[in-house]
């Protein structure tokens, strides 16, 4: 069918020219279209929508994590045993840093315990290199058990400065003060010179306990004698359990406690240089703190000032414990001095072993039964009866005590620079009587052979008011085998002395050992002898050992001068 014709108006509109009104209407229409187009969003792809959603989710998760971290509750290290698998927050002081072939291990100490915190960035690469020993930090991480030991896998470590660091420092200081100082000293047996040093024993015990709590190594120096080894073993027995309790590492007791025997009671430059070299190397290589140096029966005379001073230059704490009178200069040099004579007490019947055994129970009273026989073991003669009774009450009769003393004396001589920790512990604490009996038999055989030779070659003299027995130890003893000259002259003097004015001398090539029935002032003897033989180069080399040095070429003059000077004191 044909379409209907357009109306005249429509046709006319197509042919006529546009008016101004038409133009205005067109402009308005176009503007509305553009606004509608702008207002209508372009459709997004599905992938773009998913990416935006993931970003929003991550941001929300991070925000939630930050909020959770800010609100995380601090946990003490003593309470992490039952938190294995949990993410926790701890705060404390970095006690040490160890770089392994894998992670960096930060040893963290808080007011309750110590724990290892492992941080990993790359195998063998130091994590958080800005963190140093002594820094106060906050660590967030998961508690795990590695090879039977608890460890925190560090997720975040923050150094605490300002008020936060001060808070942690004060928290640790308060805990240390409360935990380090014992309430009182309960002696093993009643003994007046021990009672006289009660306060200084507390000071020494606090210094030792604080060193353990602060993760500072303890270096014990004692003489290589039966008395010295007994003293060192007593303190060792007390300290090792505290280290095991404080530190999670299986080898911590070897890392934080060392005994280094001395050939004599002088802590000289040789020993001090050895200690300083080791402690600086440990500080620089392993970030260790400087140690507490504990001297038992050593270091209390002026001859040790140079060595003690070297330790002081580096700020190492020094504690000296000695039964024999200490010099005033030493008291001014060291941090703690335990010395009955400085308290006005007569300590001539006190051994270093008995004094150190009392110190050990002040450090850790749990070892009281373990060390109760040690005072008796430390005496060669004239042991106070209360210590013999104490040993007897713990199953150590007189014969057993003698066996232990002799066995320790023999082992002290061999490998004298080694502590022989396990062997000495077996002898004194853990082994059956067979071990001590076997070693003490060797002691008696060797000693008797030397005594027999010495007695056959003694030269008897009368000098002024004294009688003297002189042994040429260079000619009539085995200088490089047991017994050492000091122990030989002790036993020789016990067997040969007569009356109240008797001296025994073991004369070597450039030194002599002097023993007397009365109290001799060795420095006064040397001073007087030097006036009589000024060219002999006489010097008091070891006050505790009664050892005097001289020039080899003036051997005879030195002997005569010393005997004359000794006679003047009787």
Protein backbone atom coordinates (compact mmCIF):
# COMPACT_ATOMS: atom_id res chain seq x y z
CA UNK A 1 0.00 0.00 0.00
CA UNK A 2 1.13 3.51 -0.70
CA UNK A 3 2.45 5.47 2.23
CA UNK A 4 0.60 8.37 3.57
CA UNK A 5 1.84 11.76 2.32
CA UNK A 6 3.83 13.86 4.73
CA UNK A 7 2.00 16.78 6.22
CA UNK A 8 2.64 20.17 4.83
CA UNK A 9 4.18 21.40 8.04
CA UNK A 10 6.77 18.61 8.10
CA UNK A 11 7.74 19.18 4.51
CA UNK A 12 7.89 22.82 5.01
CA UNK A 13 10.12 22.47 8.01
CA UNK A 14 12.73 20.58 5.99
CA UNK A 15 12.84 23.26 3.31
CA UNK A 16 12.78 26.39 5.38
CA UNK A 17 15.86 28.10 6.87
CA UNK A 18 16.54 27.58 10.65
CA UNK A 19 15.53 30.37 12.89
CA UNK A 20 17.38 31.71 15.98
CA UNK A 21 14.94 29.80 18.19
CA UNK A 22 15.85 26.56 16.40
CA UNK A 23 19.53 27.19 17.09
CA UNK A 24 18.85 27.82 20.77
CA UNK A 25 16.80 24.63 21.05
CA UNK A 26 19.58 22.59 19.36
CA UNK A 27 22.22 23.94 21.73
CA UNK A 28 20.08 23.09 24.77
CA UNK A 29 19.42 19.59 23.48
CA UNK A 30 23.11 18.92 22.83
CA UNK A 31 24.04 20.10 26.38
CA UNK A 32 21.58 17.72 27.96
CA UNK A 33 22.97 14.84 25.93
CA UNK A 34 26.57 15.59 27.00
CA UNK A 35 25.56 15.79 30.67
CA UNK A 36 23.80 12.45 30.42
CA UNK A 37 26.85 10.96 28.75
CA UNK A 38 29.19 12.29 31.47
CA UNK A 39 26.93 11.10 34.25
CA UNK A 40 26.71 7.58 32.87
CA UNK A 41 29.90 5.57 33.92
CA UNK A 42 31.75 3.44 31.48
CA UNK A 43 31.41 -0.27 32.22
CA UNK A 44 34.46 -1.84 34.03
CA UNK A 45 35.99 -5.16 33.20
CA UNK A 46 35.66 -8.09 35.68
CA UNK A 47 39.47 -8.30 36.25
CA UNK A 48 39.73 -4.65 37.24
CA UNK A 49 36.96 -5.09 39.77
CA UNK A 50 38.65 -8.14 41.31
CA UNK A 51 42.04 -6.32 41.61
CA UNK A 52 40.45 -3.41 43.40
CA UNK A 53 38.72 -5.77 45.80
CA UNK A 54 42.00 -7.57 46.59
CA UNK A 55 43.82 -4.28 47.28
CA UNK A 56 41.05 -3.18 49.60
CA UNK A 57 41.17 -6.52 51.44
CA UNK A 58 44.97 -6.34 51.85
CA UNK A 59 44.76 -2.80 53.18
CA UNK A 60 42.09 -3.82 55.64
CA UNK A 61 44.16 -6.85 56.74
CA UNK A 62 47.25 -4.72 57.23
CA UNK A 63 45.29 -2.22 59.21
CA UNK A 64 43.83 -5.01 61.36
CA UNK A 65 47.32 -6.45 61.89
CA UNK A 66 48.71 -3.06 62.89
CA UNK A 67 45.86 -2.60 65.31
CA UNK A 68 46.42 -6.08 66.75
CA UNK A 69 50.17 -5.43 67.09
CA UNK A 70 49.54 -2.15 68.85
CA UNK A 71 47.19 -3.92 71.23
CA UNK A 72 49.36 -7.08 71.69
CA UNK A 73 49.97 -8.06 75.28
CA UNK A 74 53.57 -8.54 76.41
CA UNK A 75 54.50 -12.03 77.57
CA UNK A 76 57.37 -12.80 79.96
CA UNK A 77 59.96 -15.28 78.80
CA UNK A 78 59.34 -17.48 81.82
CA UNK A 79 55.84 -18.09 80.51
CA UNK A 80 56.53 -19.20 76.93
CA UNK A 81 56.73 -22.94 77.68
CA UNK A 82 53.00 -23.38 77.11
CA UNK A 83 52.83 -20.95 74.17
CA UNK A 84 54.44 -23.13 71.49
CA UNK A 85 52.82 -22.28 68.16
CA UNK A 86 51.54 -18.90 69.36
CA UNK A 87 52.69 -15.51 68.10
CA UNK A 88 53.73 -13.47 71.12
CA UNK A 89 55.39 -10.19 72.03
CA UNK A 90 58.37 -9.99 74.38
CA UNK A 91 60.57 -7.14 75.59
CA UNK A 92 64.02 -7.16 77.12
CA UNK A 93 67.74 -6.62 76.68
CA UNK A 94 69.90 -8.24 74.00
CA UNK A 95 72.32 -10.41 76.00
CA UNK A 96 74.29 -11.80 73.05
CA UNK A 97 74.19 -12.14 69.27
CA UNK A 98 75.28 -15.27 67.40
CA UNK A 99 75.51 -15.51 63.65
CA UNK A 100 74.97 -19.07 62.45
CA UNK A 101 75.16 -20.50 58.97
CA UNK A 102 71.43 -19.85 58.79
CA UNK A 103 69.64 -17.32 61.03
CA UNK A 104 70.97 -14.69 63.40
CA UNK A 105 70.22 -15.70 66.99
CA UNK A 106 69.55 -12.93 69.49
CA UNK A 107 69.68 -14.01 73.13
CA UNK A 108 67.01 -11.93 74.87
CA UNK A 109 66.83 -11.42 78.63
CA UNK A 110 63.82 -10.04 80.43
CA UNK A 111 63.05 -9.82 84.14
CA UNK A 112 62.13 -13.52 84.36
CA UNK A 113 64.33 -15.59 82.02
CA UNK A 114 66.42 -15.76 78.84
CA UNK A 115 65.40 -17.10 75.43
CA UNK A 116 66.86 -17.38 71.94
CA UNK A 117 65.14 -15.37 69.22
CA UNK A 118 66.05 -16.39 65.65
CA UNK A 119 65.80 -13.87 62.80
CA UNK A 120 66.39 -14.86 59.18
CA UNK A 121 66.98 -12.75 56.08
CA UNK A 122 69.39 -14.96 54.16
CA UNK A 123 71.61 -17.90 55.06
CA UNK A 124 74.60 -16.65 57.05
CA UNK A 125 73.61 -12.99 56.71
CA UNK A 126 73.22 -10.85 59.83
CA UNK A 127 69.62 -9.89 60.45
CA UNK A 128 68.94 -6.49 62.01
CA UNK A 129 72.61 -5.40 61.83
CA UNK A 130 71.79 -2.22 63.73
CA UNK A 131 70.93 -4.22 66.88
CA UNK A 132 73.79 -4.59 69.38
CA UNK A 133 74.37 -6.29 72.71
CA UNK A 134 72.82 -4.19 75.47
CA UNK A 135 70.03 -2.76 73.31
CA UNK A 136 66.51 -2.84 74.71
CA UNK A 137 64.12 -4.29 72.14
CA UNK A 138 60.60 -5.50 71.45
CA UNK A 139 60.22 -8.74 69.49
CA UNK A 140 57.08 -10.20 67.93
CA UNK A 141 57.34 -13.80 66.83
CA UNK A 142 56.13 -17.39 67.02
CA UNK A 143 57.26 -19.72 69.78
CA UNK A 144 58.76 -22.93 68.41
CA UNK A 145 60.69 -25.88 69.79
CA UNK A 146 63.95 -26.62 67.99
CA UNK A 147 65.94 -29.72 68.93
CA UNK A 148 64.20 -29.78 72.27
CA UNK A 149 64.88 -26.11 73.05
CA UNK A 150 62.38 -23.26 72.98
CA UNK A 151 63.02 -20.53 70.44
CA UNK A 152 61.13 -17.50 69.17
CA UNK A 153 61.01 -17.11 65.39
CA UNK A 154 61.33 -13.34 65.05
CA UNK A 155 58.79 -11.66 62.77
CA UNK A 156 59.50 -8.10 63.87
CA UNK A 157 62.21 -6.55 66.05
CA UNK A 158 62.11 -2.96 67.25
CA UNK A 159 64.80 -1.12 69.21
CA UNK A 160 63.22 0.69 72.14
CA UNK A 161 64.48 4.20 72.81
CA UNK A 162 63.40 6.98 75.11
CA UNK A 163 60.69 6.24 77.64
CA UNK A 164 60.01 2.74 76.30
CA UNK A 165 63.66 1.75 76.63
CA UNK A 166 63.87 3.31 80.09
CA UNK A 167 60.82 1.32 81.19
CA UNK A 168 62.38 -1.96 80.15
CA UNK A 169 65.73 -1.03 81.71
CA UNK A 170 64.10 -0.18 85.04
CA UNK A 171 62.05 -3.36 84.96
CA UNK A 172 65.21 -5.44 84.55
CA UNK A 173 67.16 -3.46 87.17
CA UNK A 174 64.43 -3.95 89.77
CA UNK A 175 64.28 -7.68 89.07
CA UNK A 176 68.08 -8.00 89.25
CA UNK A 177 68.29 -6.25 92.60
CA UNK A 178 65.58 -8.46 94.05
CA UNK A 179 67.03 -11.69 92.68
CA UNK A 180 70.79 -11.16 92.84
CA UNK A 181 71.42 -10.39 96.51
CA UNK A 182 70.96 -13.29 98.96
CA UNK A 183 69.00 -12.60 102.10
CA UNK A 184 71.79 -13.78 104.41
CA UNK A 185 74.84 -16.02 104.69
CA UNK A 186 74.32 -19.28 106.56
CA UNK A 187 77.85 -20.66 107.21
CA UNK A 188 78.53 -24.37 106.81
CA UNK A 189 79.87 -24.43 110.36
CA UNK A 190 80.50 -21.92 113.14
CA UNK A 191 83.85 -20.25 112.55
CA UNK A 192 84.71 -16.76 113.79
CA UNK A 193 86.75 -15.52 110.79
CA UNK A 194 83.99 -16.62 108.42
CA UNK A 195 81.34 -14.85 110.49
CA UNK A 196 83.47 -11.69 110.40
CA UNK A 197 83.13 -11.39 106.61
CA UNK A 198 79.39 -11.96 106.38
CA UNK A 199 78.63 -8.68 104.61
CA UNK A 200 81.47 -8.95 102.11
CA UNK A 201 80.46 -12.55 101.37
CA UNK A 202 76.99 -11.24 100.54
CA UNK A 203 78.55 -8.61 98.28
CA UNK A 204 80.61 -11.26 96.47
CA UNK A 205 77.62 -13.59 96.14
CA UNK A 206 75.51 -10.76 94.73
CA UNK A 207 78.20 -9.92 92.17
CA UNK A 208 78.34 -13.55 91.02
CA UNK A 209 74.57 -13.98 90.84
CA UNK A 210 74.17 -10.66 89.04
CA UNK A 211 76.73 -11.73 86.44
CA UNK A 212 74.68 -14.85 85.74
CA UNK A 213 71.47 -12.84 85.43
CA UNK A 214 73.14 -10.26 83.17
CA UNK A 215 74.61 -12.98 80.91
CA UNK A 216 78.15 -11.96 81.77
CA UNK A 217 80.83 -14.65 81.70
CA UNK A 218 82.51 -15.55 84.98
CA UNK A 219 86.24 -16.31 85.00
CA UNK A 220 87.54 -17.97 88.19
CA UNK A 221 91.24 -17.83 88.97
CA UNK A 222 92.67 -20.02 91.75
CA UNK A 223 96.01 -21.58 92.59
CA UNK A 224 96.93 -24.99 91.18
CA UNK A 225 96.92 -26.57 94.64
CA UNK A 226 94.52 -28.85 96.51
CA UNK A 227 93.19 -25.86 98.48
CA UNK A 228 92.84 -23.76 95.33
CA UNK A 229 91.05 -26.48 93.38
CA UNK A 230 88.66 -27.13 96.27
CA UNK A 231 87.83 -23.41 96.37
CA UNK A 232 87.25 -23.22 92.62
CA UNK A 233 85.22 -26.42 92.52
CA UNK A 234 82.96 -25.20 95.35
CA UNK A 235 82.03 -22.02 93.49
CA UNK A 236 81.69 -23.92 90.23
CA UNK A 237 79.28 -26.36 91.88
CA UNK A 238 77.09 -23.45 92.98
CA UNK A 239 77.14 -21.39 89.77
CA UNK A 240 76.62 -24.00 87.05
CA UNK A 241 73.02 -24.86 88.05
CA UNK A 242 72.15 -21.15 88.00
CA UNK A 243 73.57 -20.84 84.48
CA UNK A 244 71.65 -23.92 83.30
CA UNK A 245 68.46 -22.49 84.75
CA UNK A 246 69.02 -19.05 83.24
CA UNK A 247 70.19 -19.98 79.74
CA UNK A 248 68.42 -22.34 77.30
CA UNK A 249 71.56 -23.42 75.43
CA UNK A 250 72.96 -26.84 76.29
CA UNK A 251 76.54 -25.52 76.22
CA UNK A 252 75.81 -22.38 78.27
CA UNK A 253 77.69 -23.63 81.33
CA UNK A 254 80.89 -23.84 79.26
CA UNK A 255 80.19 -20.50 77.62
CA UNK A 256 79.52 -18.49 80.78
CA UNK A 257 81.80 -20.10 83.37
CA UNK A 258 85.53 -20.79 83.14
CA UNK A 259 88.13 -21.83 85.71
CA UNK A 260 91.76 -21.01 84.91
CA UNK A 261 94.24 -22.26 87.52
CA UNK A 262 97.29 -20.17 88.38
CA UNK A 263 100.77 -21.49 89.07
CA UNK A 264 100.96 -19.26 92.15
CA UNK A 265 98.91 -16.81 94.17
CA UNK A 266 100.15 -13.73 92.30
CA UNK A 267 97.80 -12.52 89.58
CA UNK A 268 100.54 -11.09 87.41
CA UNK A 269 100.71 -9.48 84.00
CA UNK A 270 101.04 -12.83 82.24
CA UNK A 271 97.73 -14.11 83.61
CA UNK A 272 96.01 -10.74 83.21
CA UNK A 273 97.17 -10.38 79.60
CA UNK A 274 95.80 -13.84 78.86
CA UNK A 275 92.42 -12.94 80.37
CA UNK A 276 92.19 -9.55 78.68
CA UNK A 277 93.14 -10.98 75.29
CA UNK A 278 90.43 -13.62 75.53
CA UNK A 279 87.74 -11.28 76.76
CA UNK A 280 88.39 -8.68 74.06
CA UNK A 281 88.37 -11.37 71.38
CA UNK A 282 85.07 -12.74 72.71
CA UNK A 283 83.63 -9.24 72.82
CA UNK A 284 84.63 -8.36 69.26
CA UNK A 285 83.92 -11.73 67.65
CA UNK A 286 80.89 -12.91 69.61
CA UNK A 287 79.43 -9.69 71.10
CA UNK A 288 80.04 -11.03 74.62
CA UNK A 289 79.99 -8.82 77.67
CA UNK A 290 83.18 -8.30 79.65
CA UNK A 291 83.51 -10.94 82.37
CA UNK A 292 83.46 -10.92 86.13
CA UNK A 293 86.90 -12.11 87.28
CA UNK A 294 86.80 -13.95 90.60
CA UNK A 295 90.16 -14.60 92.29
CA UNK A 296 90.17 -17.25 95.03
CA UNK A 297 93.27 -17.33 97.24
CA UNK A 298 95.06 -15.19 94.67
CA UNK A 299 95.42 -11.55 93.75
CA UNK A 300 95.28 -10.14 97.28
CA UNK A 301 98.86 -8.89 97.55
CA UNK A 302 100.55 -5.83 96.06
CA UNK A 303 102.43 -8.05 93.60
CA UNK A 304 99.09 -8.50 91.76
CA UNK A 305 98.35 -4.78 91.31
CA UNK A 306 99.63 -4.62 87.74
CA UNK A 307 97.43 -7.48 86.64
CA UNK A 308 94.39 -6.20 88.50
CA UNK A 309 94.97 -2.75 87.04
CA UNK A 310 94.97 -4.10 83.49
CA UNK A 311 91.54 -5.64 84.08
CA UNK A 312 90.37 -2.34 85.54
CA UNK A 313 91.39 -0.40 82.44
CA UNK A 314 88.77 -2.34 80.49
CA UNK A 315 86.12 -2.10 83.20
CA UNK A 316 86.05 -5.79 84.09
CA UNK A 317 84.60 -6.40 87.55
CA UNK A 318 87.11 -7.91 90.03
CA UNK A 319 86.21 -9.90 93.15
CA UNK A 320 88.99 -11.21 95.42
CA UNK A 321 88.40 -13.83 98.14
CA UNK A 322 91.36 -14.76 100.36
CA UNK A 323 91.84 -16.15 103.85
CA UNK A 324 95.35 -14.73 104.21
CA UNK A 325 95.79 -11.00 104.98
CA UNK A 326 95.29 -8.73 101.97
CA UNK A 327 97.25 -5.59 101.22
CA UNK A 328 95.60 -2.18 101.49
CA UNK A 329 96.41 -1.31 97.88
CA UNK A 330 94.39 -4.30 96.66
CA UNK A 331 91.36 -3.28 98.71
CA UNK A 332 91.40 0.08 96.93
CA UNK A 333 91.77 -1.52 93.48
CA UNK A 334 89.13 -4.26 93.37
CA UNK A 335 85.33 -4.08 93.40
CA UNK A 336 84.75 -6.60 96.20
CA UNK A 337 87.29 -7.97 98.69
CA UNK A 338 86.42 -10.79 101.09
CA UNK A 339 89.20 -10.91 103.67
CA UNK A 340 88.84 -11.68 107.41
CA UNK A 341 92.02 -9.82 108.37
CA UNK A 342 90.53 -6.57 107.06
CA UNK A 343 87.63 -7.12 109.45
CA UNK A 344 90.01 -7.56 112.37
CA UNK A 345 89.63 -11.35 112.56
CA UNK A 346 92.42 -13.87 113.13
CA UNK A 347 92.15 -16.24 110.16
CA UNK A 348 95.28 -18.35 110.65
CA UNK A 349 93.12 -21.47 110.95
CA UNK A 350 90.99 -20.66 107.90
CA UNK A 351 91.67 -22.10 104.44
CA UNK A 352 90.64 -20.59 101.13
CA UNK A 353 88.67 -23.77 100.44
CA UNK A 354 86.61 -23.33 103.61
CA UNK A 355 85.96 -19.65 102.85
CA UNK A 356 85.01 -20.32 99.21
CA UNK A 357 82.74 -23.18 100.25
CA UNK A 358 80.82 -20.73 102.43
CA UNK A 359 80.65 -18.34 99.48
CA UNK A 360 79.24 -21.13 97.33
CA UNK A 361 76.24 -21.69 99.61
CA UNK A 362 75.65 -17.93 99.71
CA UNK A 363 75.47 -18.03 95.91
CA UNK A 364 73.27 -21.13 95.79
CA UNK A 365 72.11 -22.77 99.00
CA UNK A 366 70.87 -25.82 97.08
CA UNK A 367 74.48 -27.13 96.95
CA UNK A 368 74.98 -27.06 100.72
CA UNK A 369 75.02 -30.86 101.07
CA UNK A 370 77.26 -31.20 98.02
CA UNK A 371 80.04 -28.99 99.40
CA UNK A 372 79.86 -29.70 103.12
CA UNK A 373 82.91 -32.00 103.03
CA UNK A 374 85.08 -29.59 101.03
CA UNK A 375 86.39 -27.44 103.92
CA UNK A 376 87.93 -30.53 105.54
CA UNK A 377 89.45 -31.59 102.22
CA UNK A 378 91.23 -28.23 101.88
CA UNK A 379 93.38 -28.61 105.04
CA UNK A 380 96.68 -30.52 105.07
CA UNK A 381 96.87 -30.20 108.86
CA UNK A 382 95.22 -28.50 111.83
CA UNK A 383 91.74 -28.66 110.34
CA UNK A 384 89.18 -27.13 112.73
CA UNK A 385 87.17 -29.92 114.34
CA UNK A 386 83.83 -28.50 113.20
CA UNK A 387 84.78 -29.07 109.57
CA UNK A 388 85.91 -32.65 110.27
CA UNK A 389 82.60 -33.29 112.03
CA UNK A 390 80.70 -31.75 109.14
CA UNK A 391 82.44 -34.00 106.62
CA UNK A 392 81.85 -37.04 108.82
CA UNK A 393 78.15 -36.25 109.03
CA UNK A 394 77.97 -36.30 105.24
CA UNK A 395 79.70 -39.64 104.88
CA UNK A 396 83.34 -38.57 104.54
CA UNK A 397 85.55 -40.00 107.28
CA UNK A 398 89.15 -38.92 107.85
CA UNK A 399 90.60 -41.52 105.47
CA UNK A 400 88.22 -40.55 102.69
CA UNK A 401 88.97 -36.86 103.19
CA UNK A 402 92.72 -37.56 102.95
CA UNK A 403 92.24 -39.57 99.77
CA UNK A 404 90.32 -36.73 98.13
CA UNK A 405 92.91 -34.14 99.16
CA UNK A 406 95.79 -36.19 97.81
CA UNK A 407 93.98 -37.06 94.58
CA UNK A 408 93.12 -33.43 93.88
CA UNK A 409 96.69 -32.34 94.67
CA UNK A 410 98.09 -34.80 92.14
CA UNK A 411 95.64 -33.85 89.40
CA UNK A 412 96.24 -30.15 90.13
CA UNK A 413 99.87 -30.59 89.15
CA UNK A 414 99.36 -32.27 85.78
CA UNK A 415 98.05 -30.03 82.97
CA UNK A 416 98.12 -27.25 85.55
CA UNK A 417 96.65 -24.64 83.20
CA UNK A 418 93.56 -26.78 82.49
CA UNK A 419 90.52 -26.74 84.75
CA UNK A 420 89.84 -30.49 84.35
CA UNK A 421 86.21 -29.74 85.21
CA UNK A 422 84.72 -33.18 84.76
CA UNK A 423 87.61 -35.04 86.40
CA UNK A 424 87.64 -32.79 89.48
CA UNK A 425 83.85 -33.09 89.75
CA UNK A 426 84.15 -36.87 89.61
CA UNK A 427 86.76 -36.85 92.35
CA UNK A 428 85.01 -34.45 94.71
CA UNK A 429 81.32 -35.02 94.07
CA UNK A 430 80.18 -37.80 91.78
CA UNK A 431 82.52 -40.78 91.62
CA UNK A 432 82.83 -43.77 93.91
CA UNK A 433 85.79 -44.23 96.21
CA UNK A 434 87.71 -46.23 93.60
CA UNK A 435 88.77 -43.21 91.56
CA UNK A 436 90.04 -41.16 94.49
CA UNK A 437 91.74 -44.21 95.95
CA UNK A 438 93.54 -44.96 92.69
CA UNK A 439 94.80 -41.40 92.18
CA UNK A 440 95.76 -40.84 95.82
CA UNK A 441 97.86 -44.02 95.74
CA UNK A 442 99.89 -42.50 92.90
CA UNK A 443 100.24 -39.34 94.97
CA UNK A 444 101.69 -41.21 97.95
CA UNK A 445 104.11 -43.26 95.85
CA UNK A 446 105.54 -40.23 94.08
CA UNK A 447 105.69 -38.07 97.19
CA UNK A 448 107.37 -40.72 99.33
CA UNK A 449 110.08 -41.28 96.72
CA UNK A 450 110.92 -37.57 96.71
CA UNK A 451 110.75 -37.20 100.49
CA UNK A 452 113.09 -40.15 100.97
CA UNK A 453 115.66 -38.60 98.65
CA UNK A 454 115.26 -35.14 100.20
CA UNK A 455 115.65 -36.32 103.78
CA UNK A 456 118.82 -38.17 102.86
CA UNK A 457 120.33 -34.97 101.49
CA UNK A 458 119.16 -32.37 104.01
CA UNK A 459 121.79 -30.01 105.38
CA UNK A 460 121.20 -29.12 109.05
CA UNK A 461 122.26 -25.70 110.31
CA UNK A 462 122.08 -23.56 113.41
CA UNK A 463 121.73 -19.86 112.61
CA UNK A 464 121.39 -17.59 115.59
CA UNK A 465 118.36 -18.69 117.57
CA UNK A 466 116.91 -20.94 114.86
CA UNK A 467 117.51 -24.40 113.50
CA UNK A 468 117.39 -24.82 109.73
CA UNK A 469 117.05 -27.69 107.29
CA UNK A 470 118.28 -26.83 103.79
CA UNK A 471 117.61 -28.95 100.70
CA UNK A 472 119.36 -28.32 97.42
CA UNK A 473 116.20 -28.94 95.42
CA UNK A 474 117.98 -28.35 92.13
CA UNK A 475 120.34 -31.25 92.85
CA UNK A 476 118.15 -33.63 94.89
CA UNK A 477 114.64 -33.48 93.43
CA UNK A 478 112.99 -34.13 90.07
CA UNK A 479 112.33 -30.54 89.07
CA UNK A 480 109.92 -31.34 86.24
CA UNK A 481 107.89 -34.09 87.83
CA UNK A 482 105.51 -34.42 90.76
CA UNK A 483 105.62 -33.15 93.45
CA UNK A 484 106.14 -29.45 92.73
CA UNK A 485 108.74 -27.75 94.92
CA UNK A 486 106.16 -25.90 97.01
CA UNK A 487 104.33 -29.09 97.96
CA UNK A 488 107.63 -30.92 98.58
CA UNK A 489 108.96 -28.31 100.99
CA UNK A 490 105.60 -28.20 102.80
CA UNK A 491 105.69 -31.94 103.47
CA UNK A 492 109.40 -31.88 104.28
CA UNK A 493 108.85 -29.11 106.81
CA UNK A 494 106.00 -31.01 108.48
CA UNK A 495 108.22 -34.07 108.91
CA UNK A 496 111.49 -32.41 109.96
CA UNK A 497 110.52 -29.37 112.09
CA UNK A 498 111.59 -29.34 115.70
CA UNK A 499 110.68 -26.80 118.36
CA UNK A 500 109.26 -23.31 117.89
CA UNK A 501 112.20 -21.80 115.96
CA UNK A 502 112.73 -23.92 112.91
CA UNK A 503 112.91 -23.09 109.21
CA UNK A 504 113.05 -25.32 106.14
CA UNK A 505 114.53 -24.09 102.87
CA UNK A 506 114.34 -25.63 99.41
CA UNK A 507 117.14 -23.95 97.44
CA UNK A 508 116.96 -23.83 93.63
CA UNK A 509 119.20 -22.20 91.06
CA UNK A 510 117.60 -18.75 91.24
CA UNK A 511 114.85 -19.08 93.86
CA UNK A 512 114.20 -20.58 97.26
CA UNK A 513 111.12 -21.62 99.23
CA UNK A 514 111.04 -20.76 102.92
CA UNK A 515 108.87 -22.37 105.62
CA UNK A 516 108.94 -21.59 109.35
CA UNK A 517 107.29 -22.80 112.55
CA UNK A 518 106.46 -19.22 113.49
CA UNK A 519 104.95 -16.36 111.52
CA UNK A 520 107.51 -14.80 109.20
CA UNK A 521 107.05 -11.48 107.44
CA UNK A 522 108.51 -12.49 104.08
CA UNK A 523 108.82 -8.93 102.81
CA UNK A 524 110.76 -7.95 105.94
CA UNK A 525 113.00 -10.99 105.50
CA UNK A 526 113.76 -9.99 101.90
CA UNK A 527 114.34 -6.35 102.84
CA UNK A 528 116.80 -7.28 105.54
CA UNK A 529 118.50 -9.93 103.37
CA UNK A 530 118.90 -7.43 100.54
CA UNK A 531 120.86 -5.16 102.87
CA UNK A 532 123.15 -8.04 103.78
CA UNK A 533 123.64 -9.17 100.14
CA UNK A 534 122.95 -6.11 97.97
CA UNK A 535 124.38 -7.72 94.84
CA UNK A 536 122.18 -10.84 95.08
CA UNK A 537 119.10 -9.26 93.46
CA UNK A 538 116.77 -10.58 96.18
CA UNK A 539 113.02 -10.11 95.61
CA UNK A 540 109.82 -11.43 97.22
CA UNK A 541 108.31 -13.26 94.26
CA UNK A 542 105.44 -15.03 96.03
CA UNK A 543 104.30 -13.95 99.48
CA UNK A 544 101.75 -16.77 99.81
CA UNK A 545 104.19 -19.44 98.59
CA UNK A 546 107.15 -18.17 100.62
CA UNK A 547 109.13 -17.87 97.38
CA UNK A 548 112.16 -15.57 97.08
CA UNK A 549 114.05 -14.95 93.85
CA UNK A 550 117.73 -14.04 93.47
CA UNK A 551 120.50 -13.93 90.87
CA UNK A 552 121.96 -17.32 89.95
CA UNK A 553 125.52 -16.12 90.43
CA UNK A 554 124.79 -15.03 94.02
CA UNK A 555 123.14 -18.26 95.16
CA UNK A 556 125.27 -18.88 98.26
CA UNK A 557 125.18 -15.25 99.36
CA UNK A 558 121.41 -15.15 98.96
CA UNK A 559 120.91 -18.26 101.12
CA UNK A 560 123.12 -16.96 103.94
CA UNK A 561 121.44 -13.57 103.90
CA UNK A 562 117.94 -15.06 104.01
CA UNK A 563 118.75 -17.40 106.91
CA UNK A 564 120.28 -14.53 108.88
CA UNK A 565 117.27 -12.31 108.18
CA UNK A 566 114.84 -15.07 109.19
CA UNK A 567 116.71 -15.64 112.46
CA UNK A 568 116.25 -11.95 113.32
CA UNK A 569 112.46 -12.41 113.43
CA UNK A 570 112.55 -15.10 116.15
